[in-house]
Amino acid sequence: TPQSVGKTESTMVLGKLSGRHAFVDRLEAMGYSLSQDEIDN
């Protein structure tokens, strides 16, 4: 299955009204660990 190799899509939708906290939480859930400067960028 696509899911067995991690080929999945999040059901959480982000848009222009989404805040920084939701954005960072989603990146962390995706496995990213960014520095503060990288998060700002």
ModelCIF file with pLDDT and N, C-alpha, C, O atoms, coordinates in Angstrom:
data_MODEL
#
_entry.id   MODEL 
#
_entity.id                         1 
_entity.type                       polymer 
_entity.pdbx_number_of_molecules   1 
#
_entity_poly.entity_id                      1 
_entity_poly.type                           'polypeptide(L)' 
_entity_poly.nstd_linkage                   no 
_entity_poly.nstd_monomer                   no 
_entity_poly.pdbx_seq_one_letter_code       TPQSVGKTESTMVLGKLSGRHAFVDRLEAMGYSLSQDEIDN 
_entity_poly.pdbx_seq_one_letter_code_can   TPQSVGKTESTMVLGKLSGRHAFVDRLEAMGYSLSQDEIDN 
_entity_poly.pdbx_strand_id                 A 
#
loop_
_entity_poly_seq.entity_id 
_entity_poly_seq.num 
_entity_poly_seq.mon_id 
_entity_poly_seq.hetero 
1 1  THR n 
1 2  PRO n 
1 3  GLN n 
1 4  SER n 
1 5  VAL n 
1 6  GLY n 
1 7  LYS n 
1 8  THR n 
1 9  GLU n 
1 10 SER n 
1 11 THR n 
1 12 MET n 
1 13 VAL n 
1 14 LEU n 
1 15 GLY n 
1 16 LYS n 
1 17 LEU n 
1 18 SER n 
1 19 GLY n 
1 20 ARG n 
1 21 HIS n 
1 22 ALA n 
1 23 PHE n 
1 24 VAL n 
1 25 ASP n 
1 26 ARG n 
1 27 LEU n 
1 28 GLU n 
1 29 ALA n 
1 30 MET n 
1 31 GLY n 
1 32 TYR n 
1 33 SER n 
1 34 LEU n 
1 35 SER n 
1 36 GLN n 
1 37 ASP n 
1 38 GLU n 
1 39 ILE n 
1 40 ASP n 
1 41 ASN n 
#
_struct_asym.id          A 
_struct_asym.entity_id   1 
#
loop_
_ma_qa_metric.id 
_ma_qa_metric.mode 
_ma_qa_metric.name 
_ma_qa_metric.software_group_id 
_ma_qa_metric.type 
1 global pLDDT . pLDDT 
2 local  pLDDT . pLDDT 
#
_ma_qa_metric_global.metric_id      1 
_ma_qa_metric_global.metric_value   75.05 
_ma_qa_metric_global.model_id       1 
_ma_qa_metric_global.ordinal_id     1 
#
loop_
_ma_qa_metric_local.label_asym_id 
_ma_qa_metric_local.label_comp_id 
_ma_qa_metric_local.label_seq_id 
_ma_qa_metric_local.metric_id 
_ma_qa_metric_local.metric_value 
_ma_qa_metric_local.model_id 
_ma_qa_metric_local.ordinal_id 
A THR 1  2 85.00 1 1  
A PRO 2  2 85.00 1 2  
A GLN 3  2 87.00 1 3  
A SER 4  2 92.00 1 4  
A VAL 5  2 91.00 1 5  
A GLY 6  2 87.00 1 6  
A LYS 7  2 81.00 1 7  
A THR 8  2 67.00 1 8  
A GLU 9  2 51.00 1 9  
A SER 10 2 46.00 1 10 
A THR 11 2 44.00 1 11 
A MET 12 2 48.00 1 12 
A VAL 13 2 58.00 1 13 
A LEU 14 2 71.00 1 14 
A GLY 15 2 72.00 1 15 
A LYS 16 2 73.00 1 16 
A LEU 17 2 73.00 1 17 
A SER 18 2 74.00 1 18 
A GLY 19 2 78.00 1 19 
A ARG 20 2 82.00 1 20 
A HIS 21 2 80.00 1 21 
A ALA 22 2 78.00 1 22 
A PHE 23 2 82.00 1 23 
A VAL 24 2 83.00 1 24 
A ASP 25 2 79.00 1 25 
A ARG 26 2 77.00 1 26 
A LEU 27 2 79.00 1 27 
A GLU 28 2 75.00 1 28 
A ALA 29 2 66.00 1 29 
A MET 30 2 66.00 1 30 
A GLY 31 2 64.00 1 31 
A TYR 32 2 73.00 1 32 
A SER 33 2 71.00 1 33 
A LEU 34 2 77.00 1 34 
A SER 35 2 79.00 1 35 
A GLN 36 2 84.00 1 36 
A ASP 37 2 82.00 1 37 
A GLU 38 2 82.00 1 38 
A ILE 39 2 86.00 1 39 
A ASP 40 2 86.00 1 40 
A ASN 41 2 83.00 1 41 
#
loop_
_atom_site.group_PDB 
_atom_site.id 
_atom_site.type_symbol 
_atom_site.label_atom_id 
_atom_site.label_alt_id 
_atom_site.label_comp_id 
_atom_site.label_asym_id 
_atom_site.label_entity_id 
_atom_site.label_seq_id 
_atom_site.pdbx_PDB_ins_code 
_atom_site.Cartn_x 
_atom_site.Cartn_y 
_atom_site.Cartn_z 
_atom_site.occupancy 
_atom_site.B_iso_or_equiv 
_atom_site.pdbx_formal_charge 
_atom_site.auth_seq_id 
_atom_site.auth_comp_id 
_atom_site.auth_asym_id 
_atom_site.auth_atom_id 
_atom_site.pdbx_PDB_model_num 
ATOM 1   N N  . THR A 1 1  ? 0.837  -1.198 0.000  1.00 85.00 ? 1  THR A N  1 
ATOM 2   C CA . THR A 1 1  ? 0.000  0.000  0.000  1.00 85.00 ? 1  THR A CA 1 
ATOM 3   C C  . THR A 1 1  ? 0.874  1.252  0.000  1.00 85.00 ? 1  THR A C  1 
ATOM 4   O O  . THR A 1 1  ? 2.008  1.205  0.477  1.00 85.00 ? 1  THR A O  1 
ATOM 5   N N  . PRO A 1 2  ? 0.370  2.369  -0.526 1.00 85.00 ? 2  PRO A N  1 
ATOM 6   C CA . PRO A 1 2  ? 1.124  3.620  -0.429 1.00 85.00 ? 2  PRO A CA 1 
ATOM 7   C C  . PRO A 1 2  ? 1.437  3.971  1.023  1.00 85.00 ? 2  PRO A C  1 
ATOM 8   O O  . PRO A 1 2  ? 2.512  4.489  1.325  1.00 85.00 ? 2  PRO A O  1 
ATOM 9   N N  . GLN A 1 3  ? 0.488  3.686  1.921  1.00 87.00 ? 3  GLN A N  1 
ATOM 10  C CA . GLN A 1 3  ? 0.686  4.010  3.333  1.00 87.00 ? 3  GLN A CA 1 
ATOM 11  C C  . GLN A 1 3  ? 1.834  3.206  3.964  1.00 87.00 ? 3  GLN A C  1 
ATOM 12  O O  . GLN A 1 3  ? 2.471  3.670  4.909  1.00 87.00 ? 3  GLN A O  1 
ATOM 13  N N  . SER A 1 4  ? 2.092  2.012  3.442  1.00 92.00 ? 4  SER A N  1 
ATOM 14  C CA . SER A 1 4  ? 3.145  1.170  4.029  1.00 92.00 ? 4  SER A CA 1 
ATOM 15  C C  . SER A 1 4  ? 4.529  1.762  3.844  1.00 92.00 ? 4  SER A C  1 
ATOM 16  O O  . SER A 1 4  ? 5.450  1.427  4.588  1.00 92.00 ? 4  SER A O  1 
ATOM 17  N N  . VAL A 1 5  ? 4.690  2.647  2.851  1.00 91.00 ? 5  VAL A N  1 
ATOM 18  C CA . VAL A 1 5  ? 5.991  3.302  2.648  1.00 91.00 ? 5  VAL A CA 1 
ATOM 19  C C  . VAL A 1 5  ? 5.934  4.786  3.021  1.00 91.00 ? 5  VAL A C  1 
ATOM 20  O O  . VAL A 1 5  ? 6.869  5.541  2.755  1.00 91.00 ? 5  VAL A O  1 
ATOM 21  N N  . GLY A 1 6  ? 4.810  5.190  3.646  1.00 87.00 ? 6  GLY A N  1 
ATOM 22  C CA . GLY A 1 6  ? 4.710  6.560  4.136  1.00 87.00 ? 6  GLY A CA 1 
ATOM 23  C C  . GLY A 1 6  ? 4.199  7.559  3.129  1.00 87.00 ? 6  GLY A C  1 
ATOM 24  O O  . GLY A 1 6  ? 4.345  8.765  3.323  1.00 87.00 ? 6  GLY A O  1 
ATOM 25  N N  . LYS A 1 7  ? 3.595  7.073  2.043  1.00 81.00 ? 7  LYS A N  1 
ATOM 26  C CA . LYS A 1 7  ? 3.086  7.991  1.025  1.00 81.00 ? 7  LYS A CA 1 
ATOM 27  C C  . LYS A 1 7  ? 1.654  8.367  1.389  1.00 81.00 ? 7  LYS A C  1 
ATOM 28  O O  . LYS A 1 7  ? 0.701  7.847  0.808  1.00 81.00 ? 7  LYS A O  1 
ATOM 29  N N  . THR A 1 8  ? 1.509  9.264  2.342  1.00 67.00 ? 8  THR A N  1 
ATOM 30  C CA . THR A 1 8  ? 0.194  9.681  2.822  1.00 67.00 ? 8  THR A CA 1 
ATOM 31  C C  . THR A 1 8  ? 0.104  11.198 2.813  1.00 67.00 ? 8  THR A C  1 
ATOM 32  O O  . THR A 1 8  ? 1.116  11.895 2.738  1.00 67.00 ? 8  THR A O  1 
ATOM 33  N N  . GLU A 1 9  ? -1.097 11.687 2.889  1.00 51.00 ? 9  GLU A N  1 
ATOM 34  C CA . GLU A 1 9  ? -1.347 13.139 2.893  1.00 51.00 ? 9  GLU A CA 1 
ATOM 35  C C  . GLU A 1 9  ? -2.113 13.511 4.158  1.00 51.00 ? 9  GLU A C  1 
ATOM 36  O O  . GLU A 1 9  ? -3.057 12.820 4.542  1.00 51.00 ? 9  GLU A O  1 
ATOM 37  N N  . SER A 1 10 ? -1.716 14.581 4.791  1.00 46.00 ? 10 SER A N  1 
ATOM 38  C CA . SER A 1 10 ? -2.375 15.018 6.011  1.00 46.00 ? 10 SER A CA 1 
ATOM 39  C C  . SER A 1 10 ? -3.801 15.487 5.723  1.00 46.00 ? 10 SER A C  1 
ATOM 40  O O  . SER A 1 10 ? -4.075 16.054 4.665  1.00 46.00 ? 10 SER A O  1 
ATOM 41  N N  . THR A 1 11 ? -4.707 15.244 6.678  1.00 44.00 ? 11 THR A N  1 
ATOM 42  C CA . THR A 1 11 ? -6.067 15.764 6.553  1.00 44.00 ? 11 THR A CA 1 
ATOM 43  C C  . THR A 1 11 ? -6.171 17.169 7.130  1.00 44.00 ? 11 THR A C  1 
ATOM 44  O O  . THR A 1 11 ? -7.186 17.841 6.949  1.00 44.00 ? 11 THR A O  1 
ATOM 45  N N  . MET A 1 12 ? -5.126 17.619 7.824  1.00 48.00 ? 12 MET A N  1 
ATOM 46  C CA . MET A 1 12 ? -5.130 18.959 8.408  1.00 48.00 ? 12 MET A CA 1 
ATOM 47  C C  . MET A 1 12 ? -4.780 19.970 7.325  1.00 48.00 ? 12 MET A C  1 
ATOM 48  O O  . MET A 1 12 ? -3.713 19.889 6.716  1.00 48.00 ? 12 MET A O  1 
ATOM 49  N N  . VAL A 1 13 ? -5.672 20.920 7.086  1.00 58.00 ? 13 VAL A N  1 
ATOM 50  C CA . VAL A 1 13 ? -5.472 21.893 6.023  1.00 58.00 ? 13 VAL A CA 1 
ATOM 51  C C  . VAL A 1 13 ? -4.993 23.211 6.623  1.00 58.00 ? 13 VAL A C  1 
ATOM 52  O O  . VAL A 1 13 ? -5.598 23.736 7.558  1.00 58.00 ? 13 VAL A O  1 
ATOM 53  N N  . LEU A 1 14 ? -3.919 23.729 6.085  1.00 71.00 ? 14 LEU A N  1 
ATOM 54  C CA . LEU A 1 14 ? -3.400 25.018 6.499  1.00 71.00 ? 14 LEU A CA 1 
ATOM 55  C C  . LEU A 1 14 ? -3.690 26.040 5.409  1.00 71.00 ? 14 LEU A C  1 
ATOM 56  O O  . LEU A 1 14 ? -3.669 25.710 4.224  1.00 71.00 ? 14 LEU A O  1 
ATOM 57  N N  . GLY A 1 15 ? -3.961 27.275 5.806  1.00 72.00 ? 15 GLY A N  1 
ATOM 58  C CA . GLY A 1 15 ? -4.215 28.342 4.848  1.00 72.00 ? 15 GLY A CA 1 
ATOM 59  C C  . GLY A 1 15 ? -3.695 29.653 5.365  1.00 72.00 ? 15 GLY A C  1 
ATOM 60  O O  . GLY A 1 15 ? -2.939 29.688 6.336  1.00 72.00 ? 15 GLY A O  1 
ATOM 61  N N  . LYS A 1 16 ? -4.095 30.744 4.720  1.00 73.00 ? 16 LYS A N  1 
ATOM 62  C CA . LYS A 1 16 ? -3.510 32.043 5.056  1.00 73.00 ? 16 LYS A CA 1 
ATOM 63  C C  . LYS A 1 16 ? -3.910 32.531 6.448  1.00 73.00 ? 16 LYS A C  1 
ATOM 64  O O  . LYS A 1 16 ? -3.264 33.423 6.999  1.00 73.00 ? 16 LYS A O  1 
ATOM 65  N N  . LEU A 1 17 ? -4.974 31.950 7.025  1.00 73.00 ? 17 LEU A N  1 
ATOM 66  C CA . LEU A 1 17 ? -5.398 32.353 8.361  1.00 73.00 ? 17 LEU A CA 1 
ATOM 67  C C  . LEU A 1 17 ? -4.772 31.487 9.456  1.00 73.00 ? 17 LEU A C  1 
ATOM 68  O O  . LEU A 1 17 ? -4.958 31.753 10.643 1.00 73.00 ? 17 LEU A O  1 
ATOM 69  N N  . SER A 1 18 ? -4.034 30.455 9.055  1.00 74.00 ? 18 SER A N  1 
ATOM 70  C CA . SER A 1 18 ? -3.404 29.574 10.041 1.00 74.00 ? 18 SER A CA 1 
ATOM 71  C C  . SER A 1 18 ? -2.283 30.306 10.758 1.00 74.00 ? 18 SER A C  1 
ATOM 72  O O  . SER A 1 18 ? -1.603 31.149 10.173 1.00 74.00 ? 18 SER A O  1 
ATOM 73  N N  . GLY A 1 19 ? -2.099 29.977 12.029 1.00 78.00 ? 19 GLY A N  1 
ATOM 74  C CA . GLY A 1 19 ? -1.088 30.641 12.837 1.00 78.00 ? 19 GLY A CA 1 
ATOM 75  C C  . GLY A 1 19 ? 0.237  29.915 12.848 1.00 78.00 ? 19 GLY A C  1 
ATOM 76  O O  . GLY A 1 19 ? 0.368  28.805 12.330 1.00 78.00 ? 19 GLY A O  1 
ATOM 77  N N  . ARG A 1 20 ? 1.204  30.557 13.443 1.00 82.00 ? 20 ARG A N  1 
ATOM 78  C CA . ARG A 1 20 ? 2.557  30.034 13.514 1.00 82.00 ? 20 ARG A CA 1 
ATOM 79  C C  . ARG A 1 20 ? 2.615  28.714 14.292 1.00 82.00 ? 20 ARG A C  1 
ATOM 80  O O  . ARG A 1 20 ? 3.360  27.801 13.936 1.00 82.00 ? 20 ARG A O  1 
ATOM 81  N N  . HIS A 1 21 ? 1.803  28.633 15.375 1.00 80.00 ? 21 HIS A N  1 
ATOM 82  C CA . HIS A 1 21 ? 1.839  27.428 16.206 1.00 80.00 ? 21 HIS A CA 1 
ATOM 83  C C  . HIS A 1 21 ? 1.400  26.198 15.411 1.00 80.00 ? 21 HIS A C  1 
ATOM 84  O O  . HIS A 1 21 ? 2.051  25.154 15.463 1.00 80.00 ? 21 HIS A O  1 
ATOM 85  N N  . ALA A 1 22 ? 0.294  26.327 14.676 1.00 78.00 ? 22 ALA A N  1 
ATOM 86  C CA . ALA A 1 22 ? -0.186 25.205 13.861 1.00 78.00 ? 22 ALA A CA 1 
ATOM 87  C C  . ALA A 1 22 ? 0.828  24.840 12.785 1.00 78.00 ? 22 ALA A C  1 
ATOM 88  O O  . ALA A 1 22 ? 1.025  23.665 12.478 1.00 78.00 ? 22 ALA A O  1 
ATOM 89  N N  . PHE A 1 23 ? 1.461  25.846 12.221 1.00 82.00 ? 23 PHE A N  1 
ATOM 90  C CA . PHE A 1 23 ? 2.476  25.627 11.185 1.00 82.00 ? 23 PHE A CA 1 
ATOM 91  C C  . PHE A 1 23 ? 3.655  24.824 11.737 1.00 82.00 ? 23 PHE A C  1 
ATOM 92  O O  . PHE A 1 23 ? 4.087  23.843 11.131 1.00 82.00 ? 23 PHE A O  1 
ATOM 93  N N  . VAL A 1 24 ? 4.169  25.251 12.892 1.00 83.00 ? 24 VAL A N  1 
ATOM 94  C CA . VAL A 1 24 ? 5.320  24.561 13.497 1.00 83.00 ? 24 VAL A CA 1 
ATOM 95  C C  . VAL A 1 24 ? 4.944  23.151 13.929 1.00 83.00 ? 24 VAL A C  1 
ATOM 96  O O  . VAL A 1 24 ? 5.720  22.214 13.742 1.00 83.00 ? 24 VAL A O  1 
ATOM 97  N N  . ASP A 1 25 ? 3.738  22.995 14.515 1.00 79.00 ? 25 ASP A N  1 
ATOM 98  C CA . ASP A 1 25 ? 3.288  21.660 14.925 1.00 79.00 ? 25 ASP A CA 1 
ATOM 99  C C  . ASP A 1 25 ? 3.236  20.707 13.742 1.00 79.00 ? 25 ASP A C  1 
ATOM 100 O O  . ASP A 1 25 ? 3.617  19.541 13.849 1.00 79.00 ? 25 ASP A O  1 
ATOM 101 N N  . ARG A 1 26 ? 2.748  21.229 12.585 1.00 77.00 ? 26 ARG A N  1 
ATOM 102 C CA . ARG A 1 26 ? 2.644  20.363 11.412 1.00 77.00 ? 26 ARG A CA 1 
ATOM 103 C C  . ARG A 1 26 ? 4.021  19.962 10.899 1.00 77.00 ? 26 ARG A C  1 
ATOM 104 O O  . ARG A 1 26 ? 4.226  18.814 10.505 1.00 77.00 ? 26 ARG A O  1 
ATOM 105 N N  . LEU A 1 27 ? 4.968  20.901 10.902 1.00 79.00 ? 27 LEU A N  1 
ATOM 106 C CA . LEU A 1 27 ? 6.329  20.579 10.464 1.00 79.00 ? 27 LEU A CA 1 
ATOM 107 C C  . LEU A 1 27 ? 6.962  19.526 11.372 1.00 79.00 ? 27 LEU A C  1 
ATOM 108 O O  . LEU A 1 27 ? 7.620  18.599 10.900 1.00 79.00 ? 27 LEU A O  1 
ATOM 109 N N  . GLU A 1 28 ? 6.755  19.681 12.676 1.00 75.00 ? 28 GLU A N  1 
ATOM 110 C CA . GLU A 1 28 ? 7.323  18.711 13.613 1.00 75.00 ? 28 GLU A CA 1 
ATOM 111 C C  . GLU A 1 28 ? 6.703  17.335 13.415 1.00 75.00 ? 28 GLU A C  1 
ATOM 112 O O  . GLU A 1 28 ? 7.393  16.318 13.491 1.00 75.00 ? 28 GLU A O  1 
ATOM 113 N N  . ALA A 1 29 ? 5.394  17.308 13.159 1.00 66.00 ? 29 ALA A N  1 
ATOM 114 C CA . ALA A 1 29 ? 4.727  16.026 12.903 1.00 66.00 ? 29 ALA A CA 1 
ATOM 115 C C  . ALA A 1 29 ? 5.255  15.371 11.629 1.00 66.00 ? 29 ALA A C  1 
ATOM 116 O O  . ALA A 1 29 ? 5.235  14.147 11.498 1.00 66.00 ? 29 ALA A O  1 
ATOM 117 N N  . MET A 1 30 ? 5.724  16.189 10.698 1.00 66.00 ? 30 MET A N  1 
ATOM 118 C CA . MET A 1 30 ? 6.278  15.675 9.447  1.00 66.00 ? 30 MET A CA 1 
ATOM 119 C C  . MET A 1 30 ? 7.741  15.264 9.597  1.00 66.00 ? 30 MET A C  1 
ATOM 120 O O  . MET A 1 30 ? 8.344  14.735 8.664  1.00 66.00 ? 30 MET A O  1 
ATOM 121 N N  . GLY A 1 31 ? 8.309  15.514 10.786 1.00 64.00 ? 31 GLY A N  1 
ATOM 122 C CA . GLY A 1 31 ? 9.673  15.064 11.034 1.00 64.00 ? 31 GLY A CA 1 
ATOM 123 C C  . GLY A 1 31 ? 10.743 16.128 10.892 1.00 64.00 ? 31 GLY A C  1 
ATOM 124 O O  . GLY A 1 31 ? 11.932 15.810 10.941 1.00 64.00 ? 31 GLY A O  1 
ATOM 125 N N  . TYR A 1 32 ? 10.352 17.394 10.717 1.00 73.00 ? 32 TYR A N  1 
ATOM 126 C CA . TYR A 1 32 ? 11.327 18.470 10.579 1.00 73.00 ? 32 TYR A CA 1 
ATOM 127 C C  . TYR A 1 32 ? 11.694 19.039 11.944 1.00 73.00 ? 32 TYR A C  1 
ATOM 128 O O  . TYR A 1 32 ? 10.839 19.209 12.814 1.00 73.00 ? 32 TYR A O  1 
ATOM 129 N N  . SER A 1 33 ? 12.964 19.326 12.114 1.00 71.00 ? 33 SER A N  1 
ATOM 130 C CA . SER A 1 33 ? 13.465 19.970 13.321 1.00 71.00 ? 33 SER A CA 1 
ATOM 131 C C  . SER A 1 33 ? 14.285 21.177 12.871 1.00 71.00 ? 33 SER A C  1 
ATOM 132 O O  . SER A 1 33 ? 15.465 21.052 12.541 1.00 71.00 ? 33 SER A O  1 
ATOM 133 N N  . LEU A 1 34 ? 13.640 22.353 12.862 1.00 77.00 ? 34 LEU A N  1 
ATOM 134 C CA . LEU A 1 34 ? 14.281 23.553 12.328 1.00 77.00 ? 34 LEU A CA 1 
ATOM 135 C C  . LEU A 1 34 ? 14.691 24.492 13.448 1.00 77.00 ? 34 LEU A C  1 
ATOM 136 O O  . LEU A 1 34 ? 14.074 24.520 14.512 1.00 77.00 ? 34 LEU A O  1 
ATOM 137 N N  . SER A 1 35 ? 15.733 25.256 13.194 1.00 79.00 ? 35 SER A N  1 
ATOM 138 C CA . SER A 1 35 ? 16.155 26.287 14.136 1.00 79.00 ? 35 SER A CA 1 
ATOM 139 C C  . SER A 1 35 ? 15.161 27.444 14.091 1.00 79.00 ? 35 SER A C  1 
ATOM 140 O O  . SER A 1 35 ? 14.300 27.493 13.212 1.00 79.00 ? 35 SER A O  1 
ATOM 141 N N  . GLN A 1 36 ? 15.280 28.386 15.048 1.00 84.00 ? 36 GLN A N  1 
ATOM 142 C CA . GLN A 1 36 ? 14.367 29.509 15.082 1.00 84.00 ? 36 GLN A CA 1 
ATOM 143 C C  . GLN A 1 36 ? 14.448 30.332 13.793 1.00 84.00 ? 36 GLN A C  1 
ATOM 144 O O  . GLN A 1 36 ? 13.424 30.734 13.239 1.00 84.00 ? 36 GLN A O  1 
ATOM 145 N N  . ASP A 1 37 ? 15.671 30.578 13.324 1.00 82.00 ? 37 ASP A N  1 
ATOM 146 C CA . ASP A 1 37 ? 15.841 31.343 12.084 1.00 82.00 ? 37 ASP A CA 1 
ATOM 147 C C  . ASP A 1 37 ? 15.224 30.620 10.894 1.00 82.00 ? 37 ASP A C  1 
ATOM 148 O O  . ASP A 1 37 ? 14.603 31.238 10.029 1.00 82.00 ? 37 ASP A O  1 
ATOM 149 N N  . GLU A 1 38 ? 15.403 29.292 10.862 1.00 82.00 ? 38 GLU A N  1 
ATOM 150 C CA . GLU A 1 38 ? 14.844 28.512 9.760  1.00 82.00 ? 38 GLU A CA 1 
ATOM 151 C C  . GLU A 1 38 ? 13.314 28.510 9.817  1.00 82.00 ? 38 GLU A C  1 
ATOM 152 O O  . GLU A 1 38 ? 12.651 28.555 8.781  1.00 82.00 ? 38 GLU A O  1 
ATOM 153 N N  . ILE A 1 39 ? 12.751 28.459 11.043 1.00 86.00 ? 39 ILE A N  1 
ATOM 154 C CA . ILE A 1 39 ? 11.289 28.530 11.189 1.00 86.00 ? 39 ILE A CA 1 
ATOM 155 C C  . ILE A 1 39 ? 10.783 29.884 10.697 1.00 86.00 ? 39 ILE A C  1 
ATOM 156 O O  . ILE A 1 39 ? 9.779  29.956 9.987  1.00 86.00 ? 39 ILE A O  1 
ATOM 157 N N  . ASP A 1 40 ? 11.478 30.955 11.074 1.00 86.00 ? 40 ASP A N  1 
ATOM 158 C CA . ASP A 1 40 ? 11.084 32.297 10.625 1.00 86.00 ? 40 ASP A CA 1 
ATOM 159 C C  . ASP A 1 40 ? 11.054 32.367 9.099  1.00 86.00 ? 40 ASP A C  1 
ATOM 160 O O  . ASP A 1 40 ? 10.116 32.897 8.503  1.00 86.00 ? 40 ASP A O  1 
ATOM 161 N N  . ASN A 1 41 ? 12.103 31.819 8.482  1.00 83.00 ? 41 ASN A N  1 
ATOM 162 C CA . ASN A 1 41 ? 12.216 31.820 7.025  1.00 83.00 ? 41 ASN A CA 1 
ATOM 163 C C  . ASN A 1 41 ? 11.091 30.999 6.400  1.00 83.00 ? 41 ASN A C  1 
ATOM 164 O O  . ASN A 1 41 ? 11.018 30.883 5.176  1.00 83.00 ? 41 ASN A O  1 
#
